[in-house]
């Protein structure tokens, strides 16, 4: 399980992603004031292991996740989803993932081929403005954490009334 502070995007602060015991697993450098809304994920040694950035020209909100310098996925808002936000994590090949549930309140799951591979919840923690990310065995935690951060970036831009076009 990983623990993430909810409101870092509104300030642009750096923060740590911790395990359930409070140990720092990753450091996130929130470069939200950059044009592309870019965040860098570093390991405990301070080495960049992943990044998330917004595509400047896209038909719908799109964020690219790079792991180890290679494109790992794109997180995109689905078009025409009445009554709730829906996002897809487009990975190379046929095994795309989908974020389902209450995205705004951080109560959702990430599924791949109908199987839950991760869950995000604020209910598991008593710390204010913090949520937990549970990742299934065999699933790359950087892909999941990057996807959760991309979703947060997209929702923060949407709340601020900024266009992604």
N, C-alpha and C. Protein backbone atom coordinates (compact mmCIF):
# COMPACT_ATOMS: atom_id res chain seq x y z
N UNK A 1 0.85 -1.18 0.00
CA UNK A 1 0.00 0.00 0.00
C UNK A 1 0.89 1.24 0.00
N UNK A 2 0.48 2.24 -0.76
CA UNK A 2 1.20 3.52 -0.85
C UNK A 2 0.29 4.63 -0.35
N UNK A 3 0.87 5.66 0.25
CA UNK A 3 0.12 6.76 0.81
C UNK A 3 0.50 8.05 0.08
N UNK A 4 -0.51 8.80 -0.40
CA UNK A 4 -0.30 10.02 -1.19
C UNK A 4 -1.11 11.15 -0.59
N UNK A 5 -0.48 12.34 -0.49
CA UNK A 5 -1.21 13.53 -0.05
C UNK A 5 -2.10 14.00 -1.18
N UNK A 6 -3.32 14.39 -0.82
CA UNK A 6 -4.32 14.71 -1.85
C UNK A 6 -4.12 16.07 -2.50
N UNK A 7 -3.71 17.07 -1.79
CA UNK A 7 -3.81 18.44 -2.29
C UNK A 7 -2.49 19.05 -2.77
N UNK A 8 -1.52 18.26 -3.13
CA UNK A 8 -0.24 18.88 -3.50
C UNK A 8 -0.32 19.67 -4.79
N UNK A 9 -1.23 19.31 -5.71
CA UNK A 9 -1.25 19.98 -7.00
C UNK A 9 -1.65 21.44 -6.91
N UNK A 10 -2.48 21.78 -5.94
CA UNK A 10 -2.91 23.16 -5.85
C UNK A 10 -1.79 24.07 -5.36
N UNK A 11 -0.77 23.49 -4.77
CA UNK A 11 0.34 24.29 -4.26
C UNK A 11 1.59 24.10 -5.12
N UNK A 12 1.75 22.91 -5.69
CA UNK A 12 2.92 22.62 -6.48
C UNK A 12 4.09 22.13 -5.64
N UNK A 13 3.81 21.71 -4.42
CA UNK A 13 4.86 21.24 -3.53
C UNK A 13 5.40 19.89 -3.96
N UNK A 14 6.62 19.62 -3.52
CA UNK A 14 7.16 18.28 -3.60
C UNK A 14 6.58 17.51 -2.42
N UNK A 15 6.52 16.20 -2.53
CA UNK A 15 6.05 15.38 -1.42
C UNK A 15 6.57 13.97 -1.58
N UNK A 16 6.45 13.19 -0.52
CA UNK A 16 6.89 11.81 -0.54
C UNK A 16 5.69 10.88 -0.65
N UNK A 17 5.89 9.78 -1.37
CA UNK A 17 4.94 8.68 -1.38
C UNK A 17 5.52 7.67 -0.40
N UNK A 18 4.71 7.30 0.57
CA UNK A 18 5.18 6.42 1.64
C UNK A 18 4.50 5.07 1.57
N UNK A 19 5.11 4.08 2.20
CA UNK A 19 4.43 2.81 2.36
C UNK A 19 3.52 2.88 3.58
N UNK A 20 2.82 1.79 3.88
CA UNK A 20 1.86 1.82 4.98
C UNK A 20 2.51 2.01 6.35
N UNK A 21 3.84 1.84 6.42
CA UNK A 21 4.57 2.04 7.68
C UNK A 21 5.18 3.43 7.80
N UNK A 22 4.92 4.30 6.82
CA UNK A 22 5.45 5.65 6.87
C UNK A 22 6.85 5.79 6.31
N UNK A 23 7.37 4.75 5.66
CA UNK A 23 8.69 4.83 5.05
C UNK A 23 8.60 5.42 3.65
N UNK A 24 9.52 6.33 3.33
CA UNK A 24 9.51 6.95 2.00
C UNK A 24 9.92 5.92 0.95
N UNK A 25 9.05 5.78 -0.05
CA UNK A 25 9.31 4.87 -1.16
C UNK A 25 9.70 5.68 -2.40
N UNK A 26 8.97 6.78 -2.64
CA UNK A 26 9.24 7.66 -3.78
C UNK A 26 9.14 9.10 -3.31
N UNK A 27 9.81 9.97 -4.06
CA UNK A 27 9.69 11.42 -3.86
C UNK A 27 9.10 11.97 -5.15
N UNK A 28 8.09 12.82 -5.04
CA UNK A 28 7.45 13.41 -6.22
C UNK A 28 7.78 14.90 -6.25
N UNK A 29 8.38 15.30 -7.35
CA UNK A 29 8.72 16.71 -7.58
C UNK A 29 7.59 17.29 -8.41
N UNK A 30 6.73 18.09 -7.77
CA UNK A 30 5.55 18.64 -8.43
C UNK A 30 5.84 19.90 -9.20
N UNK A 31 6.20 19.76 -10.45
CA UNK A 31 6.53 20.90 -11.30
C UNK A 31 5.27 21.41 -11.99
N UNK A 32 4.22 21.64 -11.21
CA UNK A 32 2.92 21.97 -11.80
C UNK A 32 2.87 23.35 -12.43
N UNK A 33 3.82 24.18 -12.14
CA UNK A 33 3.79 25.49 -12.76
C UNK A 33 4.43 25.48 -14.13
N UNK A 34 4.95 24.33 -14.56
CA UNK A 34 5.48 24.23 -15.91
C UNK A 34 4.32 24.18 -16.88
N UNK A 35 4.57 24.51 -18.13
CA UNK A 35 3.52 24.57 -19.14
C UNK A 35 2.84 23.21 -19.29
N UNK A 36 3.60 22.14 -19.18
CA UNK A 36 3.07 20.80 -19.44
C UNK A 36 2.56 20.09 -18.18
N UNK A 37 2.47 20.77 -17.06
CA UNK A 37 2.04 20.12 -15.83
C UNK A 37 2.81 18.81 -15.64
N UNK A 38 4.09 18.91 -15.40
CA UNK A 38 4.95 17.73 -15.31
C UNK A 38 5.29 17.43 -13.85
N UNK A 39 5.25 16.16 -13.50
CA UNK A 39 5.73 15.71 -12.20
C UNK A 39 6.79 14.64 -12.44
N UNK A 40 7.79 14.63 -11.57
CA UNK A 40 8.87 13.66 -11.66
C UNK A 40 8.82 12.80 -10.41
N UNK A 41 8.89 11.49 -10.60
CA UNK A 41 8.91 10.54 -9.49
C UNK A 41 10.34 10.04 -9.34
N UNK A 42 10.90 10.20 -8.14
CA UNK A 42 12.27 9.78 -7.86
C UNK A 42 12.26 8.64 -6.84
N UNK A 43 13.27 7.77 -6.93
CA UNK A 43 13.39 6.71 -5.93
C UNK A 43 14.04 7.27 -4.67
N UNK A 44 14.27 6.42 -3.69
CA UNK A 44 14.82 6.85 -2.40
C UNK A 44 16.21 7.46 -2.53
N UNK A 45 16.93 7.14 -3.62
CA UNK A 45 18.27 7.70 -3.85
C UNK A 45 18.23 9.04 -4.58
N UNK A 46 17.03 9.51 -4.97
CA UNK A 46 16.91 10.76 -5.69
C UNK A 46 17.04 10.63 -7.20
N UNK A 47 17.06 9.40 -7.71
CA UNK A 47 17.14 9.16 -9.15
C UNK A 47 15.75 9.15 -9.76
N UNK A 48 15.60 9.82 -10.91
CA UNK A 48 14.30 9.83 -11.58
C UNK A 48 13.98 8.43 -12.09
N UNK A 49 12.80 7.92 -11.70
CA UNK A 49 12.37 6.60 -12.15
C UNK A 49 11.14 6.67 -13.04
N UNK A 50 10.41 7.79 -12.96
CA UNK A 50 9.22 7.95 -13.78
C UNK A 50 8.85 9.43 -13.84
N UNK A 51 8.01 9.77 -14.84
CA UNK A 51 7.49 11.13 -14.93
C UNK A 51 6.10 11.07 -15.55
N UNK A 52 5.35 12.13 -15.30
CA UNK A 52 4.01 12.28 -15.86
C UNK A 52 3.93 13.69 -16.41
N UNK A 53 3.48 13.82 -17.68
CA UNK A 53 3.29 15.16 -18.22
C UNK A 53 2.06 15.20 -19.12
N UNK A 54 1.51 16.39 -19.23
CA UNK A 54 0.31 16.62 -20.03
C UNK A 54 0.68 16.85 -21.48
N UNK A 55 -0.08 16.23 -22.39
CA UNK A 55 0.06 16.53 -23.81
C UNK A 55 -0.56 17.90 -24.05
N UNK A 56 0.16 18.76 -24.73
CA UNK A 56 -0.35 20.11 -24.95
C UNK A 56 -1.48 20.16 -25.96
N UNK A 57 -1.42 19.31 -26.99
CA UNK A 57 -2.46 19.31 -28.01
C UNK A 57 -3.09 17.92 -28.02
N UNK A 58 -4.34 17.85 -27.58
CA UNK A 58 -5.06 16.59 -27.56
C UNK A 58 -6.55 16.88 -27.59
N UNK A 59 -7.33 15.96 -28.16
CA UNK A 59 -8.78 16.14 -28.23
C UNK A 59 -9.43 16.07 -26.86
N UNK A 60 -8.80 15.36 -25.94
CA UNK A 60 -9.30 15.21 -24.58
C UNK A 60 -8.11 15.21 -23.63
N UNK A 61 -8.32 15.46 -22.36
CA UNK A 61 -7.19 15.48 -21.42
C UNK A 61 -6.38 14.19 -21.53
N UNK A 62 -5.08 14.35 -21.82
CA UNK A 62 -4.18 13.21 -22.01
C UNK A 62 -2.87 13.47 -21.30
N UNK A 63 -2.43 12.49 -20.53
CA UNK A 63 -1.18 12.57 -19.78
C UNK A 63 -0.33 11.36 -20.10
N UNK A 64 0.94 11.60 -20.36
CA UNK A 64 1.86 10.51 -20.69
C UNK A 64 2.67 10.13 -19.46
N UNK A 65 2.79 8.83 -19.23
CA UNK A 65 3.61 8.30 -18.15
C UNK A 65 4.85 7.68 -18.77
N UNK A 66 6.01 8.10 -18.28
CA UNK A 66 7.28 7.52 -18.73
C UNK A 66 7.93 6.85 -17.53
N UNK A 67 8.34 5.60 -17.71
CA UNK A 67 9.02 4.86 -16.66
C UNK A 67 10.38 4.46 -17.20
N UNK A 68 11.43 4.84 -16.47
CA UNK A 68 12.79 4.54 -16.93
C UNK A 68 13.09 5.18 -18.27
N UNK A 69 12.49 6.34 -18.55
CA UNK A 69 12.73 7.05 -19.80
C UNK A 69 11.89 6.57 -20.97
N UNK A 70 11.18 5.47 -20.81
CA UNK A 70 10.38 4.91 -21.89
C UNK A 70 8.89 5.20 -21.67
N UNK A 71 8.18 5.45 -22.76
CA UNK A 71 6.73 5.67 -22.65
C UNK A 71 6.07 4.38 -22.17
N UNK A 72 5.37 4.47 -21.04
CA UNK A 72 4.72 3.30 -20.45
C UNK A 72 3.21 3.31 -20.67
N UNK A 73 2.62 4.51 -20.73
CA UNK A 73 1.16 4.58 -20.87
C UNK A 73 0.73 6.01 -21.13
N UNK A 74 -0.51 6.15 -21.60
CA UNK A 74 -1.19 7.44 -21.67
C UNK A 74 -2.48 7.31 -20.88
N UNK A 75 -2.73 8.31 -20.04
CA UNK A 75 -3.97 8.34 -19.28
C UNK A 75 -4.87 9.37 -19.95
N UNK A 76 -6.05 8.91 -20.41
CA UNK A 76 -6.95 9.76 -21.18
C UNK A 76 -8.34 9.76 -20.58
N UNK A 77 -8.94 10.93 -20.63
CA UNK A 77 -10.36 11.02 -20.26
C UNK A 77 -11.17 10.43 -21.40
N UNK A 78 -12.14 9.59 -21.04
CA UNK A 78 -13.02 9.02 -22.06
C UNK A 78 -13.99 10.08 -22.53
N UNK A 79 -14.30 10.06 -23.80
CA UNK A 79 -15.30 10.98 -24.35
C UNK A 79 -16.70 10.43 -24.07
N UNK A 80 -17.65 11.34 -23.90
CA UNK A 80 -19.06 10.99 -23.78
C UNK A 80 -19.33 9.99 -22.66
N UNK A 81 -19.00 10.37 -21.45
CA UNK A 81 -19.34 9.53 -20.30
C UNK A 81 -20.26 10.34 -19.40
N UNK A 82 -21.57 10.20 -19.61
CA UNK A 82 -22.51 10.99 -18.82
C UNK A 82 -22.47 10.62 -17.35
N UNK A 83 -22.66 11.62 -16.51
CA UNK A 83 -22.84 11.49 -15.07
C UNK A 83 -21.58 11.19 -14.27
N UNK A 84 -20.47 10.82 -14.91
CA UNK A 84 -19.26 10.62 -14.13
C UNK A 84 -18.04 10.65 -15.03
N UNK A 85 -16.93 11.01 -14.40
CA UNK A 85 -15.65 11.04 -15.11
C UNK A 85 -15.16 9.61 -15.30
N UNK A 86 -14.61 9.31 -16.47
CA UNK A 86 -13.99 8.01 -16.71
C UNK A 86 -12.68 8.24 -17.45
N UNK A 87 -11.67 7.50 -17.02
CA UNK A 87 -10.35 7.59 -17.63
C UNK A 87 -9.85 6.21 -18.00
N UNK A 88 -9.09 6.14 -19.08
CA UNK A 88 -8.45 4.92 -19.54
C UNK A 88 -6.95 5.07 -19.42
N UNK A 89 -6.28 4.01 -19.01
CA UNK A 89 -4.82 3.96 -19.00
C UNK A 89 -4.43 3.11 -20.20
N UNK A 90 -4.00 3.76 -21.27
CA UNK A 90 -3.66 3.10 -22.53
C UNK A 90 -2.20 2.66 -22.47
N UNK A 91 -1.99 1.36 -22.33
CA UNK A 91 -0.64 0.81 -22.30
C UNK A 91 -0.35 0.17 -23.66
N UNK A 92 0.93 0.02 -24.03
CA UNK A 92 1.24 -0.64 -25.30
C UNK A 92 0.63 -2.04 -25.33
N UNK A 93 0.02 -2.39 -26.45
CA UNK A 93 -0.61 -3.70 -26.57
C UNK A 93 -2.07 -3.65 -26.18
N UNK A 94 -2.67 -4.83 -25.98
CA UNK A 94 -4.13 -4.91 -25.77
C UNK A 94 -4.60 -4.80 -24.33
N UNK A 95 -3.72 -4.64 -23.36
CA UNK A 95 -4.12 -4.76 -21.95
C UNK A 95 -4.37 -3.42 -21.27
N UNK A 96 -5.18 -2.55 -21.87
CA UNK A 96 -5.47 -1.25 -21.27
C UNK A 96 -6.17 -1.42 -19.93
N UNK A 97 -6.04 -0.39 -19.11
CA UNK A 97 -6.66 -0.38 -17.79
C UNK A 97 -7.71 0.71 -17.77
N UNK A 98 -8.65 0.59 -16.83
CA UNK A 98 -9.71 1.59 -16.70
C UNK A 98 -9.89 1.97 -15.25
N UNK A 99 -10.04 3.28 -15.01
CA UNK A 99 -10.32 3.78 -13.67
C UNK A 99 -11.83 3.86 -13.52
N UNK A 100 -12.38 3.21 -12.48
CA UNK A 100 -13.83 3.15 -12.29
C UNK A 100 -14.16 3.50 -10.85
N UNK A 101 -15.21 4.28 -10.67
CA UNK A 101 -15.70 4.61 -9.34
C UNK A 101 -15.80 6.11 -9.16
N UNK A 102 -15.68 6.57 -7.94
CA UNK A 102 -15.78 7.99 -7.61
C UNK A 102 -14.39 8.62 -7.67
N UNK A 103 -14.01 9.07 -8.86
CA UNK A 103 -12.66 9.60 -9.08
C UNK A 103 -12.42 10.88 -8.29
N UNK A 104 -13.43 11.73 -8.21
CA UNK A 104 -13.26 13.01 -7.52
C UNK A 104 -12.98 12.85 -6.04
N UNK A 105 -13.57 11.85 -5.42
CA UNK A 105 -13.40 11.64 -3.99
C UNK A 105 -12.38 10.56 -3.65
N UNK A 106 -11.58 10.15 -4.64
CA UNK A 106 -10.54 9.15 -4.42
C UNK A 106 -11.09 7.86 -3.81
N UNK A 107 -12.15 7.36 -4.40
CA UNK A 107 -12.73 6.07 -4.02
C UNK A 107 -12.99 5.31 -5.32
N UNK A 108 -11.95 4.68 -5.86
CA UNK A 108 -12.10 4.01 -7.14
C UNK A 108 -11.15 2.83 -7.26
N UNK A 109 -11.38 2.03 -8.30
CA UNK A 109 -10.51 0.89 -8.59
C UNK A 109 -9.94 1.07 -9.99
N UNK A 110 -8.85 0.37 -10.22
CA UNK A 110 -8.26 0.31 -11.56
C UNK A 110 -8.37 -1.15 -11.99
N UNK A 111 -9.00 -1.36 -13.15
CA UNK A 111 -9.24 -2.71 -13.65
C UNK A 111 -8.52 -2.94 -14.96
N UNK A 112 -8.14 -4.20 -15.17
CA UNK A 112 -7.55 -4.64 -16.44
C UNK A 112 -8.29 -5.91 -16.83
N UNK A 113 -8.94 -5.89 -17.98
CA UNK A 113 -9.75 -7.03 -18.44
C UNK A 113 -10.76 -7.46 -17.39
N UNK A 114 -11.40 -6.49 -16.71
CA UNK A 114 -12.42 -6.79 -15.72
C UNK A 114 -11.89 -7.25 -14.37
N UNK A 115 -10.57 -7.32 -14.22
CA UNK A 115 -9.95 -7.76 -12.96
C UNK A 115 -9.35 -6.55 -12.25
N UNK A 116 -9.65 -6.41 -10.96
CA UNK A 116 -9.11 -5.30 -10.19
C UNK A 116 -7.61 -5.48 -9.96
N UNK A 117 -6.83 -4.47 -10.38
CA UNK A 117 -5.37 -4.53 -10.20
C UNK A 117 -4.88 -3.50 -9.19
N UNK A 118 -5.74 -2.54 -8.85
CA UNK A 118 -5.38 -1.53 -7.85
C UNK A 118 -6.66 -0.89 -7.33
N UNK A 119 -6.55 -0.34 -6.12
CA UNK A 119 -7.68 0.37 -5.52
C UNK A 119 -7.15 1.63 -4.85
N UNK A 120 -7.95 2.69 -4.89
CA UNK A 120 -7.59 3.97 -4.28
C UNK A 120 -8.70 4.35 -3.32
N UNK A 121 -8.32 4.73 -2.10
CA UNK A 121 -9.34 5.07 -1.11
C UNK A 121 -8.81 6.03 -0.06
N UNK A 122 -9.67 6.95 0.36
CA UNK A 122 -9.38 7.83 1.49
C UNK A 122 -9.86 7.19 2.79
N UNK A 123 -10.78 6.23 2.69
CA UNK A 123 -11.39 5.63 3.87
C UNK A 123 -10.41 4.78 4.68
N UNK A 124 -9.34 4.30 4.04
CA UNK A 124 -8.40 3.43 4.74
C UNK A 124 -7.51 4.20 5.71
N UNK A 125 -7.50 5.52 5.59
CA UNK A 125 -6.59 6.33 6.40
C UNK A 125 -7.37 7.35 7.23
N UNK A 126 -6.81 7.75 8.34
CA UNK A 126 -7.44 8.78 9.16
C UNK A 126 -6.76 10.13 8.96
N UNK A 127 -5.71 10.18 8.16
CA UNK A 127 -4.97 11.42 7.93
C UNK A 127 -5.74 12.26 6.92
N UNK A 128 -5.98 13.52 7.25
CA UNK A 128 -6.74 14.42 6.38
C UNK A 128 -5.99 14.69 5.08
N UNK A 129 -6.73 14.84 3.97
CA UNK A 129 -6.17 15.15 2.66
C UNK A 129 -5.13 14.14 2.20
N UNK A 130 -5.34 12.89 2.56
CA UNK A 130 -4.42 11.83 2.19
C UNK A 130 -5.23 10.63 1.73
N UNK A 131 -4.69 9.89 0.75
CA UNK A 131 -5.37 8.69 0.32
C UNK A 131 -4.37 7.57 0.10
N UNK A 132 -4.88 6.34 0.07
CA UNK A 132 -4.04 5.16 -0.06
C UNK A 132 -4.25 4.54 -1.43
N UNK A 133 -3.16 3.94 -1.94
CA UNK A 133 -3.20 3.23 -3.21
C UNK A 133 -2.72 1.80 -2.94
N UNK A 134 -3.61 0.84 -3.15
CA UNK A 134 -3.27 -0.57 -2.98
C UNK A 134 -3.04 -1.17 -4.35
N UNK A 135 -1.86 -1.76 -4.58
CA UNK A 135 -1.49 -2.31 -5.88
C UNK A 135 -1.37 -3.82 -5.75
N UNK A 136 -2.02 -4.55 -6.67
CA UNK A 136 -1.96 -6.02 -6.66
C UNK A 136 -0.56 -6.51 -7.02
N UNK A 137 -0.25 -7.70 -6.53
CA UNK A 137 1.03 -8.34 -6.88
C UNK A 137 1.13 -8.50 -8.39
N UNK A 138 2.32 -8.31 -8.92
CA UNK A 138 2.55 -8.48 -10.34
C UNK A 138 2.23 -7.26 -11.18
N UNK A 139 1.75 -6.18 -10.56
CA UNK A 139 1.42 -4.95 -11.27
C UNK A 139 2.48 -3.91 -10.92
N UNK A 140 2.97 -3.19 -11.93
CA UNK A 140 4.02 -2.19 -11.71
C UNK A 140 3.47 -1.03 -10.87
N UNK A 141 3.97 -0.85 -9.65
CA UNK A 141 3.45 0.25 -8.82
C UNK A 141 3.71 1.62 -9.43
N UNK A 142 4.79 1.79 -10.19
CA UNK A 142 5.04 3.09 -10.82
C UNK A 142 3.98 3.41 -11.87
N UNK A 143 3.50 2.41 -12.59
CA UNK A 143 2.43 2.64 -13.56
C UNK A 143 1.17 3.09 -12.84
N UNK A 144 0.85 2.44 -11.74
CA UNK A 144 -0.37 2.79 -10.99
C UNK A 144 -0.22 4.17 -10.34
N UNK A 145 0.89 4.41 -9.67
CA UNK A 145 1.09 5.72 -9.02
C UNK A 145 1.12 6.83 -10.06
N UNK A 146 1.80 6.60 -11.17
CA UNK A 146 1.82 7.60 -12.25
C UNK A 146 0.42 7.87 -12.78
N UNK A 147 -0.39 6.83 -12.91
CA UNK A 147 -1.76 6.99 -13.39
C UNK A 147 -2.61 7.77 -12.40
N UNK A 148 -2.45 7.48 -11.12
CA UNK A 148 -3.19 8.20 -10.09
C UNK A 148 -2.80 9.68 -10.09
N UNK A 149 -1.50 9.97 -10.24
CA UNK A 149 -1.05 11.36 -10.29
C UNK A 149 -1.55 12.06 -11.55
N UNK A 150 -1.57 11.34 -12.69
CA UNK A 150 -2.11 11.92 -13.93
C UNK A 150 -3.58 12.27 -13.75
N UNK A 151 -4.32 11.37 -13.13
CA UNK A 151 -5.74 11.65 -12.87
C UNK A 151 -5.89 12.89 -11.99
N UNK A 152 -5.08 12.98 -10.93
CA UNK A 152 -5.13 14.15 -10.05
C UNK A 152 -4.82 15.43 -10.82
N UNK A 153 -3.83 15.39 -11.70
CA UNK A 153 -3.50 16.57 -12.51
C UNK A 153 -4.69 16.97 -13.38
N UNK A 154 -5.30 15.99 -14.03
CA UNK A 154 -6.43 16.28 -14.92
C UNK A 154 -7.62 16.84 -14.14
N UNK A 155 -7.92 16.25 -12.99
CA UNK A 155 -9.06 16.72 -12.21
C UNK A 155 -8.79 18.10 -11.62
N UNK A 156 -7.55 18.37 -11.23
CA UNK A 156 -7.20 19.69 -10.70
C UNK A 156 -7.34 20.76 -11.78
N UNK A 157 -6.91 20.45 -13.00
CA UNK A 157 -7.07 21.38 -14.12
C UNK A 157 -8.55 21.60 -14.41
N UNK A 158 -9.33 20.54 -14.35
CA UNK A 158 -10.77 20.65 -14.60
C UNK A 158 -11.44 21.53 -13.55
N UNK A 159 -11.05 21.36 -12.28
CA UNK A 159 -11.62 22.19 -11.21
C UNK A 159 -11.23 23.65 -11.38
N UNK A 160 -10.03 23.88 -11.88
CA UNK A 160 -9.54 25.25 -12.07
C UNK A 160 -10.14 25.88 -13.33
N UNK A 161 -10.86 25.07 -14.13
CA UNK A 161 -11.50 25.59 -15.33
C UNK A 161 -10.55 25.79 -16.48
N UNK A 162 -9.43 25.07 -16.46
CA UNK A 162 -8.45 25.20 -17.54
C UNK A 162 -8.79 24.22 -18.64
N UNK A 163 -8.54 24.62 -19.85
CA UNK A 163 -8.79 23.77 -21.00
C UNK A 163 -7.58 22.91 -21.28
N UNK A 164 -7.81 21.73 -21.80
CA UNK A 164 -6.71 20.84 -22.22
C UNK A 164 -6.55 20.87 -23.73
N UNK A 165 -7.28 21.70 -24.41
CA UNK A 165 -7.17 21.77 -25.88
C UNK A 165 -5.98 22.58 -26.27
